[in-house]
Amino acid sequence: MPRQIVENWRQSFRDKKYYSFMNDEMVHCSAYYNSFKVPKNARKYCIDSHESSSKHVTSFRRWEETNLRQLPTREQLTEVGNNPFYEDITKMMIYTNIPLSKVNNPNLREFLEKWCGKKCPDTSTIRKNYMSPIYDRLMEEIRQYLKNHWIYIQVDEAHASNRRIFSMIVGRLNGENSKSYLLNVAETDSAANNHSVVRFVNDSLLLIWPDSMQYDNVRLILTDQASHMLKAARLLRDSLYPHLHHVSCMSHCLSRVCEKARIMYPNRDKLITNLKMLLNKCIRRRDLLVQLTQTALPSLPVPTRWGTWIEFANYVFKNLDGIRGFAERVKDEDSSSIFFLIQCLEEESIEQDLAAICDLDVLPATIRKLGGRNLSIIRQKQLLDEVYFKLPERLQARLQPKCRIHLQRIHRLKNCLD
């Protein structure tokens, strides 16, 4: 297009102060607070279409009513997606754990437009243009924070909707209460084994040291007591990280002991399972049991949290007569669990077995205490001593070899704290 025609086109819009022209292809609308490109052969048409759009009309009305008529910077004119308000609201929502989809809520958009004089961005705009720069700046902050320092890593695994997800937390290892960062979260397609854990650890540490891996600075890894985690820690220490020390979760180790205790008494596990099935999602039966036992009903056992199984077994032992009366009251109801519950309650060794399980009540109590915050090393050692030295004395005849192995592992963890 000839230069004179371009100048005439610009002159026709110069009286509109909310437009700024950086070049022949970039136009910034201060009312809409955004920059957009226009093709060379349809400049005026594109601007006219923009002025007639509902977004521009609403933004222009708000722009006239407020005093926020600042001129755009050069960066805002040349870069699409560089909006300070959009960037700040994205950062605020990320750091406060607010889902990004909330920006599409009409009440939130109306509030921001009314009281802040700002147009709320769309979720897709945030994801495409503003999340990546925030992520890059945060990663650079983590690299500078960990630069030339020993570090520790904590690796965990979770299952959600048939998905296996690994996560890693990283922080300084300097003897102080340092800040930790969630470095990486990744989904694995393969089965959870020691090789997938090792691959995830190496890929995550490359985010900190993309140029040259500093193997000597990785000094500590924290995991749970899963067998593939233990193997992965040994493989990392023997192959790439010569100064790596491995510490496993003491609470998870105690949970493994509780699981072995459940396996030791399969008939009592059957009793608790059928009682749980009768009480689950039935308020009438729960109220009846509370009325007969005159005791508040504890939380039902949760799979993989075997300390809750021992606590519920303790409740059954203390209220055995009331549970028998409960089974007698509901025996005519149509449920297969009632038949198995009555069958378990008629066994002769039920009281003896439940009494033996109650001797393990130190385990869930210790797990709960170890889960507290700011627990000193001296207090952790005292709790482990309580489990390791007192529990075997009361259960020497009933502990299985595998259960003793976990208790010996607890003793080794205690020695690591010395």
Foldseek 3Di string as FASTA:
>chain_A
DDPVVVVVVVVVCPVPVQWDDDDQFWIAGQLLRFIHGDDNVQVVVVVVVVCPDPSSVLSNVLVVVDPPRDDDDPCRRVDGLPGVVLQVVLVVCVVVVNDLQCLPPPVNQVVCCVPVVHGGDHSVSCVPRHPVVVVVVVLVVVLVQCPPFAKEKEWEWDDDPNWIKIWMKMFGDDPDPTDIDGQDIDTDPDDDALVVVLVVVVVSQCSNVVPDRDLARHAEYEYAPDPRVVVNQVVCCVPGRVRYDYAYDLLNLLQVLLVVLCVLCVLVVLLLVLVCVVPPPDVVLLVQLCVQQVDHQDDRDDPPRSLNVLVNLLVCLVRVVSVQVSLVVCVPPPDPSSVSNNVSSPDPCSNVSSVVSNLSNLSSVLSVVVPDPPDDLVNNLVSLCCCLVVSCVVQVPRDDPVSVVSNVVSVVSNVVSD
